[in-house]
Amino acid sequence: MIALEGVSKWYGQFKVLDACNMRVEKGEVVVICGPSGSGKSTLIKTVNGLESFQQGLISVDGVSVGDPKINLAQLRSRVGMVFQHFELFPHLSILDNLSLAQVKVLKRGKDEAREKGLRLLERVGLKAHAAKFPAQLSGGQQQRVAIARALSMDPVAMLFDEPTSALDPEMINEVLDVMTGLAREGMTMICVTHEMGFAKKVANRVIFMDSGAIIEDTGKDAFFGDPKSARAKEFLAKILH
């Protein structure tokens, strides 16, 4: 579903991604972890064209992301993205937040878009809040709306960039529960997260990054049981402790 081959990126002289290789099969859940500044968020944003890259190849469901002729709006409609901060439109109701891109990008009728939006709000437990505005919801509720909004575009894969890092501890589980449900339904997912409990529960593979490079790419049991690199062992010892 998603393939990266030798992907490198520079900010001026600074190499933020260093020859990264990654394959994600349909239905796989891959967790990317590593210390701050290791390139995790940059890597995930290259997958749907939010960050450019200077070397290598990226393909999503057979479409080359680096192709200058690519329709980025169409690509992003097929690869859902959930950010650290919820990025909801504050002046639109929750239901309108879910309907807008369906109408503008997918050319759905307004009634069809609203109907789909309501179904997805029910799925994330927020149908009763459809008429409210984002500021009237908690952080965890807003992040669940952001997930529902991404799903409203019928994506073939979902990307999560530290979706719980801006939340109070009490709100984290309600978002992780929705993500766990998606994983169990077979959604292809790449998740940048420090939530190691979530990784242990639902990930097929764990990718560990440091200094812009992928240091380990292995099954979750191998990663948590006996990571190969000293850097991954050090990282796990700190984060699990």
C-alpha atoms as a PDB file:
ATOM      1  CA  MET A   1       0.000   0.000   0.000  1.00  0.00           C
ATOM      2  CA  ILE A   2       2.814   2.424   0.941  1.00  0.00           C
ATOM      3  CA  ALA A   3       6.468   2.151  -0.108  1.00  0.00           C
ATOM      4  CA  LEU A   4       9.469   4.411   0.548  1.00  0.00           C
ATOM      5  CA  GLU A   5      12.777   3.712  -1.149  1.00  0.00           C
ATOM      6  CA  GLY A   6      15.921   5.657  -0.276  1.00  0.00           C
ATOM      7  CA  VAL A   7      13.998   8.772   0.802  1.00  0.00           C
ATOM      8  CA  SER A   8      16.251  11.649   1.864  1.00  0.00           C
ATOM      9  CA  LYS A   9      15.440  15.263   2.680  1.00  0.00           C
ATOM     10  CA  TRP A  10      17.505  18.308   3.595  1.00  0.00           C
ATOM     11  CA  TYR A  11      16.692  21.616   5.256  1.00  0.00           C
ATOM     12  CA  GLY A  12      19.583  23.614   3.815  1.00  0.00           C
ATOM     13  CA  GLN A  13      22.703  21.737   4.940  1.00  0.00           C
ATOM     14  CA  PHE A  14      20.850  19.715   7.577  1.00  0.00           C
ATOM     15  CA  LYS A  15      19.840  16.205   6.516  1.00  0.00           C
ATOM     16  CA  VAL A  16      16.527  15.537   8.211  1.00  0.00           C
ATOM     17  CA  LEU A  17      15.818  12.197   6.457  1.00  0.00           C
ATOM     18  CA  ASP A  18      18.644   9.824   5.581  1.00  0.00           C
ATOM     19  CA  ALA A  19      17.938   7.130   2.941  1.00  0.00           C
ATOM     20  CA  CYS A  20      14.747   5.838   4.564  1.00  0.00           C
ATOM     21  CA  ASN A  21      13.210   2.583   3.335  1.00  0.00           C
ATOM     22  CA  MET A  22       9.794   1.372   4.469  1.00  0.00           C
ATOM     23  CA  ARG A  23       7.003  -0.856   3.162  1.00  0.00           C
ATOM     24  CA  VAL A  24       3.500  -0.973   4.611  1.00  0.00           C
ATOM     25  CA  GLU A  25       1.189  -3.697   3.346  1.00  0.00           C
ATOM     26  CA  LYS A  26      -2.571  -3.311   3.103  1.00  0.00           C
ATOM     27  CA  GLY A  27      -4.130  -3.705   6.545  1.00  0.00           C
ATOM     28  CA  GLU A  28      -0.834  -3.324   8.428  1.00  0.00           C
ATOM     29  CA  VAL A  29      -0.441  -1.064  11.453  1.00  0.00           C
ATOM     30  CA  VAL A  30       3.071   0.388  11.714  1.00  0.00           C
ATOM     31  CA  VAL A  31       4.180   2.487  14.683  1.00  0.00           C
ATOM     32  CA  ILE A  32       7.091   4.909  14.245  1.00  0.00           C
ATOM     33  CA  CYS A  33       8.879   5.949  17.426  1.00  0.00           C
ATOM     34  CA  GLY A  34      12.134   7.586  18.407  1.00  0.00           C
ATOM     35  CA  PRO A  35      13.520  10.621  20.230  1.00  0.00           C
ATOM     36  CA  SER A  36      12.398  14.167  19.471  1.00  0.00           C
ATOM     37  CA  GLY A  37      14.025  15.548  16.340  1.00  0.00           C
ATOM     38  CA  SER A  38      14.643  12.101  14.826  1.00  0.00           C
ATOM     39  CA  GLY A  39      12.590  12.870  11.685  1.00  0.00           C
ATOM     40  CA  LYS A  40       9.427  10.893  12.527  1.00  0.00           C
ATOM     41  CA  SER A  41       6.905  13.621  11.728  1.00  0.00           C
ATOM     42  CA  THR A  42       8.807  14.704   8.620  1.00  0.00           C
ATOM     43  CA  LEU A  43       8.840  11.126   7.340  1.00  0.00           C
ATOM     44  CA  ILE A  44       5.112  10.617   7.796  1.00  0.00           C
ATOM     45  CA  LYS A  45       4.325  13.960   6.128  1.00  0.00           C
ATOM     46  CA  THR A  46       6.268  13.013   2.994  1.00  0.00           C
ATOM     47  CA  VAL A  47       3.825  10.136   2.445  1.00  0.00           C
ATOM     48  CA  ASN A  48       0.955  12.442   1.455  1.00  0.00           C
ATOM     49  CA  GLY A  49       2.993  15.304   0.056  1.00  0.00           C
ATOM     50  CA  LEU A  50       2.846  17.664   3.035  1.00  0.00           C
ATOM     51  CA  GLU A  51       6.661  17.636   3.043  1.00  0.00           C
ATOM     52  CA  SER A  52       8.764  17.486  -0.105  1.00  0.00           C
ATOM     53  CA  PHE A  53      11.806  15.215  -0.408  1.00  0.00           C
ATOM     54  CA  GLN A  54      14.921  15.533  -2.539  1.00  0.00           C
ATOM     55  CA  GLN A  55      15.939  11.906  -3.117  1.00  0.00           C
ATOM     56  CA  GLY A  56      14.210   8.562  -3.369  1.00  0.00           C
ATOM     57  CA  LEU A  57      10.772   7.260  -4.301  1.00  0.00           C
ATOM     58  CA  ILE A  58       7.450   7.176  -2.454  1.00  0.00           C
ATOM     59  CA  SER A  59       4.361   5.405  -3.752  1.00  0.00           C
ATOM     60  CA  VAL A  60       0.886   5.108  -2.253  1.00  0.00           C
ATOM     61  CA  ASP A  61      -1.396   2.451  -3.719  1.00  0.00           C
ATOM     62  CA  GLY A  62       0.669   2.546  -6.928  1.00  0.00           C
ATOM     63  CA  VAL A  63       0.729   6.371  -7.228  1.00  0.00           C
ATOM     64  CA  SER A  64       4.123   8.125  -7.160  1.00  0.00           C
ATOM     65  CA  VAL A  65       4.028  10.928  -4.570  1.00  0.00           C
ATOM     66  CA  GLY A  66       7.034  12.723  -6.079  1.00  0.00           C
ATOM     67  CA  ASP A  67       5.509  12.953  -9.563  1.00  0.00           C
ATOM     68  CA  PRO A  68       5.252  16.681 -10.435  1.00  0.00           C
ATOM     69  CA  LYS A  69       1.942  15.977 -12.209  1.00  0.00           C
ATOM     70  CA  ILE A  70       0.328  14.439  -9.142  1.00  0.00           C
ATOM     71  CA  ASN A  71      -2.988  15.826  -7.911  1.00  0.00           C
ATOM     72  CA  LEU A  72      -2.102  16.417  -4.256  1.00  0.00           C
ATOM     73  CA  ALA A  73      -5.697  17.156  -3.195  1.00  0.00           C
ATOM     74  CA  GLN A  74      -6.771  13.809  -4.614  1.00  0.00           C
ATOM     75  CA  LEU A  75      -3.845  12.020  -2.956  1.00  0.00           C
ATOM     76  CA  ARG A  76      -4.627  13.584   0.427  1.00  0.00           C
ATOM     77  CA  SER A  77      -8.268  12.591   0.128  1.00  0.00           C
ATOM     78  CA  ARG A  78      -7.102   8.965  -0.149  1.00  0.00           C
ATOM     79  CA  VAL A  79      -4.528   9.170   2.662  1.00  0.00           C
ATOM     80  CA  GLY A  80      -6.160  10.503   5.820  1.00  0.00           C
ATOM     81  CA  MET A  81      -3.992  12.572   8.175  1.00  0.00           C
ATOM     82  CA  VAL A  82      -4.552  13.279  11.864  1.00  0.00           C
ATOM     83  CA  PHE A  83      -2.227  15.841  13.444  1.00  0.00           C
ATOM     84  CA  GLN A  84      -1.067  16.652  16.987  1.00  0.00           C
ATOM     85  CA  HIS A  85      -3.412  19.625  17.021  1.00  0.00           C
ATOM     86  CA  PHE A  86      -6.868  19.034  15.727  1.00  0.00           C
ATOM     87  CA  GLU A  87      -6.858  21.523  12.821  1.00  0.00           C
ATOM     88  CA  LEU A  88     -10.655  21.795  12.810  1.00  0.00           C
ATOM     89  CA  PHE A  89     -12.325  24.862  11.310  1.00  0.00           C
ATOM     90  CA  PRO A  90     -13.390  26.845  14.410  1.00  0.00           C
ATOM     91  CA  HIS A  91     -16.185  28.735  12.625  1.00  0.00           C
ATOM     92  CA  LEU A  92     -17.897  25.580  11.310  1.00  0.00           C
ATOM     93  CA  SER A  93     -20.071  23.145  13.221  1.00  0.00           C
ATOM     94  CA  ILE A  94     -18.719  19.652  13.862  1.00  0.00           C
ATOM     95  CA  LEU A  95     -20.933  18.205  11.124  1.00  0.00           C
ATOM     96  CA  ASP A  96     -19.895  20.921   8.654  1.00  0.00           C
ATOM     97  CA  ASN A  97     -16.234  20.137   9.448  1.00  0.00           C
ATOM     98  CA  LEU A  98     -16.920  16.594   8.262  1.00  0.00           C
ATOM     99  CA  SER A  99     -18.995  17.597   5.232  1.00  0.00           C
ATOM    100  CA  LEU A 100     -16.949  20.375   3.649  1.00  0.00           C
ATOM    101  CA  ALA A 101     -14.145  18.354   2.000  1.00  0.00           C
ATOM    102  CA  GLN A 102     -16.571  15.649   0.903  1.00  0.00           C
ATOM    103  CA  VAL A 103     -18.497  18.270  -1.073  1.00  0.00           C
ATOM    104  CA  LYS A 104     -15.501  20.290  -2.325  1.00  0.00           C
ATOM    105  CA  VAL A 105     -13.053  17.465  -3.128  1.00  0.00           C
ATOM    106  CA  LEU A 106     -15.152  14.325  -3.618  1.00  0.00           C
ATOM    107  CA  LYS A 107     -18.070  16.271  -5.178  1.00  0.00           C
ATOM    108  CA  ARG A 108     -20.641  14.559  -2.996  1.00  0.00           C
ATOM    109  CA  GLY A 109     -24.063  16.090  -2.565  1.00  0.00           C
ATOM    110  CA  LYS A 110     -24.569  18.006   0.690  1.00  0.00           C
ATOM    111  CA  ASP A 111     -27.178  15.587   1.994  1.00  0.00           C
ATOM    112  CA  GLU A 112     -24.999  12.561   1.250  1.00  0.00           C
ATOM    113  CA  ALA A 113     -21.990  14.237   2.880  1.00  0.00           C
ATOM    114  CA  ARG A 114     -23.953  15.114   6.014  1.00  0.00           C
ATOM    115  CA  GLU A 115     -25.390  11.608   6.228  1.00  0.00           C
ATOM    116  CA  LYS A 116     -21.910  10.091   6.038  1.00  0.00           C
ATOM    117  CA  GLY A 117     -20.650  12.620   8.579  1.00  0.00           C
ATOM    118  CA  LEU A 118     -23.368  11.660  11.052  1.00  0.00           C
ATOM    119  CA  ARG A 119     -22.591   7.950  10.642  1.00  0.00           C
ATOM    120  CA  LEU A 120     -18.924   8.598  11.392  1.00  0.00           C
ATOM    121  CA  LEU A 121     -19.705  10.822  14.371  1.00  0.00           C
ATOM    122  CA  GLU A 122     -21.812   7.990  15.738  1.00  0.00           C
ATOM    123  CA  ARG A 123     -18.892   5.629  15.168  1.00  0.00           C
ATOM    124  CA  VAL A 124     -16.577   7.792  17.318  1.00  0.00           C
ATOM    125  CA  GLY A 125     -19.292   8.386  19.923  1.00  0.00           C
ATOM    126  CA  LEU A 126     -20.004  12.041  19.124  1.00  0.00           C
ATOM    127  CA  LYS A 127     -23.245  12.103  17.117  1.00  0.00           C
ATOM    128  CA  ALA A 128     -24.963  14.105  19.863  1.00  0.00           C
ATOM    129  CA  HIS A 129     -22.404  16.899  19.366  1.00  0.00           C
ATOM    130  CA  ALA A 130     -22.904  17.333  15.604  1.00  0.00           C
ATOM    131  CA  ALA A 131     -24.334  20.866  15.871  1.00  0.00           C
ATOM    132  CA  LYS A 132     -21.679  22.149  18.290  1.00  0.00           C
ATOM    133  CA  PHE A 133     -18.531  24.070  17.380  1.00  0.00           C
ATOM    134  CA  PRO A 134     -15.003  22.786  18.066  1.00  0.00           C
ATOM    135  CA  ALA A 135     -14.409  25.154  21.004  1.00  0.00           C
ATOM    136  CA  GLN A 136     -17.371  23.555  22.796  1.00  0.00           C
ATOM    137  CA  LEU A 137     -15.675  20.135  22.835  1.00  0.00           C
ATOM    138  CA  SER A 138     -12.823  18.739  24.920  1.00  0.00           C
ATOM    139  CA  GLY A 139      -9.441  18.037  23.351  1.00  0.00           C
ATOM    140  CA  GLY A 140     -10.123  14.321  23.188  1.00  0.00           C
ATOM    141  CA  GLN A 141     -13.491  14.916  21.548  1.00  0.00           C
ATOM    142  CA  GLN A 142     -11.944  17.280  18.987  1.00  0.00           C
ATOM    143  CA  GLN A 143      -9.309  14.694  18.101  1.00  0.00           C
ATOM    144  CA  ARG A 144     -12.012  12.059  17.602  1.00  0.00           C
ATOM    145  CA  VAL A 145     -13.789  14.513  15.282  1.00  0.00           C
ATOM    146  CA  ALA A 146     -10.502  14.948  13.374  1.00  0.00           C
ATOM    147  CA  ILE A 147     -10.302  11.160  12.932  1.00  0.00           C
ATOM    148  CA  ALA A 148     -13.929  11.018  11.750  1.00  0.00           C
ATOM    149  CA  ARG A 149     -13.242  13.874   9.309  1.00  0.00           C
ATOM    150  CA  ALA A 150     -10.299  11.972   7.800  1.00  0.00           C
ATOM    151  CA  LEU A 151     -12.436   8.832   7.513  1.00  0.00           C
ATOM    152  CA  SER A 152     -15.196  10.756   5.740  1.00  0.00           C
ATOM    153  CA  MET A 153     -12.965  10.867   2.636  1.00  0.00           C
ATOM    154  CA  ASP A 154     -12.908   7.028   2.378  1.00  0.00           C
ATOM    155  CA  PRO A 155      -9.102   6.829   2.701  1.00  0.00           C
ATOM    156  CA  VAL A 156      -7.085   3.764   1.706  1.00  0.00           C
ATOM    157  CA  ALA A 157      -4.666   4.504   4.569  1.00  0.00           C
ATOM    158  CA  MET A 158      -4.467   6.693   7.670  1.00  0.00           C
ATOM    159  CA  LEU A 159      -1.484   8.630   9.018  1.00  0.00           C
ATOM    160  CA  PHE A 160      -1.349   9.734  12.656  1.00  0.00           C
ATOM    161  CA  ASP A 161       1.264  12.278  13.754  1.00  0.00           C
ATOM    162  CA  GLU A 162       1.458  12.066  17.558  1.00  0.00           C
ATOM    163  CA  PRO A 163      -2.342  12.322  17.854  1.00  0.00           C
ATOM    164  CA  THR A 164      -2.386  12.198  21.670  1.00  0.00           C
ATOM    165  CA  SER A 165       0.588  14.411  22.540  1.00  0.00           C
ATOM    166  CA  ALA A 166      -1.519  17.577  22.960  1.00  0.00           C
ATOM    167  CA  LEU A 167      -4.124  15.873  25.157  1.00  0.00           C
ATOM    168  CA  ASP A 168      -4.566  15.666  28.904  1.00  0.00           C
ATOM    169  CA  PRO A 169      -3.769  12.162  30.190  1.00  0.00           C
ATOM    170  CA  GLU A 170      -7.440  11.452  30.920  1.00  0.00           C
ATOM    171  CA  MET A 171      -8.375  12.077  27.282  1.00  0.00           C
ATOM    172  CA  ILE A 172      -5.717   9.908  25.659  1.00  0.00           C
ATOM    173  CA  ASN A 173      -7.504   6.582  25.971  1.00  0.00           C
ATOM    174  CA  GLU A 174     -10.683   7.759  24.242  1.00  0.00           C
ATOM    175  CA  VAL A 175      -8.621   8.614  21.146  1.00  0.00           C
ATOM    176  CA  LEU A 176      -6.521   5.441  21.315  1.00  0.00           C
ATOM    177  CA  ASP A 177      -9.722   3.381  21.589  1.00  0.00           C
ATOM    178  CA  VAL A 178     -10.945   4.795  18.268  1.00  0.00           C
ATOM    179  CA  MET A 179      -7.554   4.096  16.655  1.00  0.00           C
ATOM    180  CA  THR A 180      -7.563   0.551  18.049  1.00  0.00           C
ATOM    181  CA  GLY A 181     -11.005  -0.006  16.546  1.00  0.00           C
ATOM    182  CA  LEU A 182      -9.738   1.156  13.145  1.00  0.00           C
ATOM    183  CA  ALA A 183      -6.772  -1.189  13.355  1.00  0.00           C
ATOM    184  CA  ARG A 184      -9.006  -4.141  14.155  1.00  0.00           C
ATOM    185  CA  GLU A 185     -11.206  -3.302  11.169  1.00  0.00           C
ATOM    186  CA  GLY A 186      -8.175  -3.636   8.893  1.00  0.00           C
ATOM    187  CA  MET A 187      -7.340   0.011   8.172  1.00  0.00           C
ATOM    188  CA  THR A 188      -3.779   0.515   6.893  1.00  0.00           C
ATOM    189  CA  MET A 189      -2.161   2.845   9.440  1.00  0.00           C
ATOM    190  CA  ILE A 190       1.149   4.550  10.134  1.00  0.00           C
ATOM    191  CA  CYS A 191       1.274   6.089  13.612  1.00  0.00           C
ATOM    192  CA  VAL A 192       3.983   8.339  15.020  1.00  0.00           C
ATOM    193  CA  THR A 193       3.477   7.960  18.761  1.00  0.00           C
ATOM    194  CA  HIS A 194       5.127   7.506  22.149  1.00  0.00           C
ATOM    195  CA  GLU A 195       2.165   5.462  23.382  1.00  0.00           C
ATOM    196  CA  MET A 196       4.008   2.176  23.750  1.00  0.00           C
ATOM    197  CA  GLY A 197       0.962   0.437  25.230  1.00  0.00           C
ATOM    198  CA  PHE A 198      -0.903   1.173  21.997  1.00  0.00           C
ATOM    199  CA  ALA A 199       2.060  -0.085  19.965  1.00  0.00           C
ATOM    200  CA  LYS A 200       2.180  -3.336  21.951  1.00  0.00           C
ATOM    201  CA  LYS A 201      -1.559  -3.802  21.549  1.00  0.00           C
ATOM    202  CA  VAL A 202      -2.186  -3.155  17.849  1.00  0.00           C
ATOM    203  CA  ALA A 203       1.051  -2.652  15.872  1.00  0.00           C
ATOM    204  CA  ASN A 204       2.226  -5.278  13.413  1.00  0.00           C
ATOM    205  CA  ARG A 205       5.643  -3.617  13.190  1.00  0.00           C
ATOM    206  CA  VAL A 206       7.615  -0.944  14.997  1.00  0.00           C
ATOM    207  CA  ILE A 207      10.025   1.400  13.226  1.00  0.00           C
ATOM    208  CA  PHE A 208      12.617   3.151  15.380  1.00  0.00           C
ATOM    209  CA  MET A 209      14.243   6.326  14.045  1.00  0.00           C
ATOM    210  CA  ASP A 210      17.203   8.373  15.190  1.00  0.00           C
ATOM    211  CA  SER A 211      18.961  11.312  13.480  1.00  0.00           C
ATOM    212  CA  GLY A 212      16.783  11.020  10.372  1.00  0.00           C
ATOM    213  CA  ALA A 213      17.537   7.342   9.753  1.00  0.00           C
ATOM    214  CA  ILE A 214      15.486   4.184  10.292  1.00  0.00           C
ATOM    215  CA  ILE A 215      17.552   2.216  12.818  1.00  0.00           C
ATOM    216  CA  GLU A 216      15.155  -0.690  13.324  1.00  0.00           C
ATOM    217  CA  ASP A 217      12.145  -2.038  11.430  1.00  0.00           C
ATOM    218  CA  THR A 218      10.886  -5.176  13.093  1.00  0.00           C
ATOM    219  CA  GLY A 219       7.873  -6.959  14.564  1.00  0.00           C
ATOM    220  CA  LYS A 220       6.545  -5.497  17.797  1.00  0.00           C
ATOM    221  CA  ASP A 221       7.446  -8.578  19.875  1.00  0.00           C
ATOM    222  CA  ALA A 222      11.054  -8.461  18.692  1.00  0.00           C
ATOM    223  CA  PHE A 223      11.268  -4.708  19.257  1.00  0.00           C
ATOM    224  CA  PHE A 224       9.931  -4.762  22.801  1.00  0.00           C
ATOM    225  CA  GLY A 225      11.572  -8.087  23.678  1.00  0.00           C
ATOM    226  CA  ASP A 226      15.081  -7.632  22.314  1.00  0.00           C
ATOM    227  CA  PRO A 227      15.816  -4.527  20.196  1.00  0.00           C
ATOM    228  CA  LYS A 228      18.983  -4.919  18.168  1.00  0.00           C
ATOM    229  CA  SER A 229      20.492  -1.430  18.456  1.00  0.00           C
ATOM    230  CA  ALA A 230      21.908   0.089  21.625  1.00  0.00           C
ATOM    231  CA  ARG A 231      20.083   3.338  20.806  1.00  0.00           C
ATOM    232  CA  ALA A 232      16.688   1.598  20.734  1.00  0.00           C
ATOM    233  CA  LYS A 233      17.469  -0.194  24.019  1.00  0.00           C
ATOM    234  CA  GLU A 234      18.358   3.135  25.625  1.00  0.00           C
ATOM    235  CA  PHE A 235      15.171   4.779  24.268  1.00  0.00           C
ATOM    236  CA  LEU A 236      12.932   1.951  25.501  1.00  0.00           C
ATOM    237  CA  ALA A 237      14.554   1.895  28.923  1.00  0.00           C
ATOM    238  CA  LYS A 238      13.733   5.587  29.376  1.00  0.00           C
ATOM    239  CA  ILE A 239      10.232   5.612  27.893  1.00  0.00           C
ATOM    240  CA  LEU A 240       8.975   2.373  29.461  1.00  0.00           C
ATOM    241  CA  HIS A 241      10.438   3.292  32.854  1.00  0.00           C
END
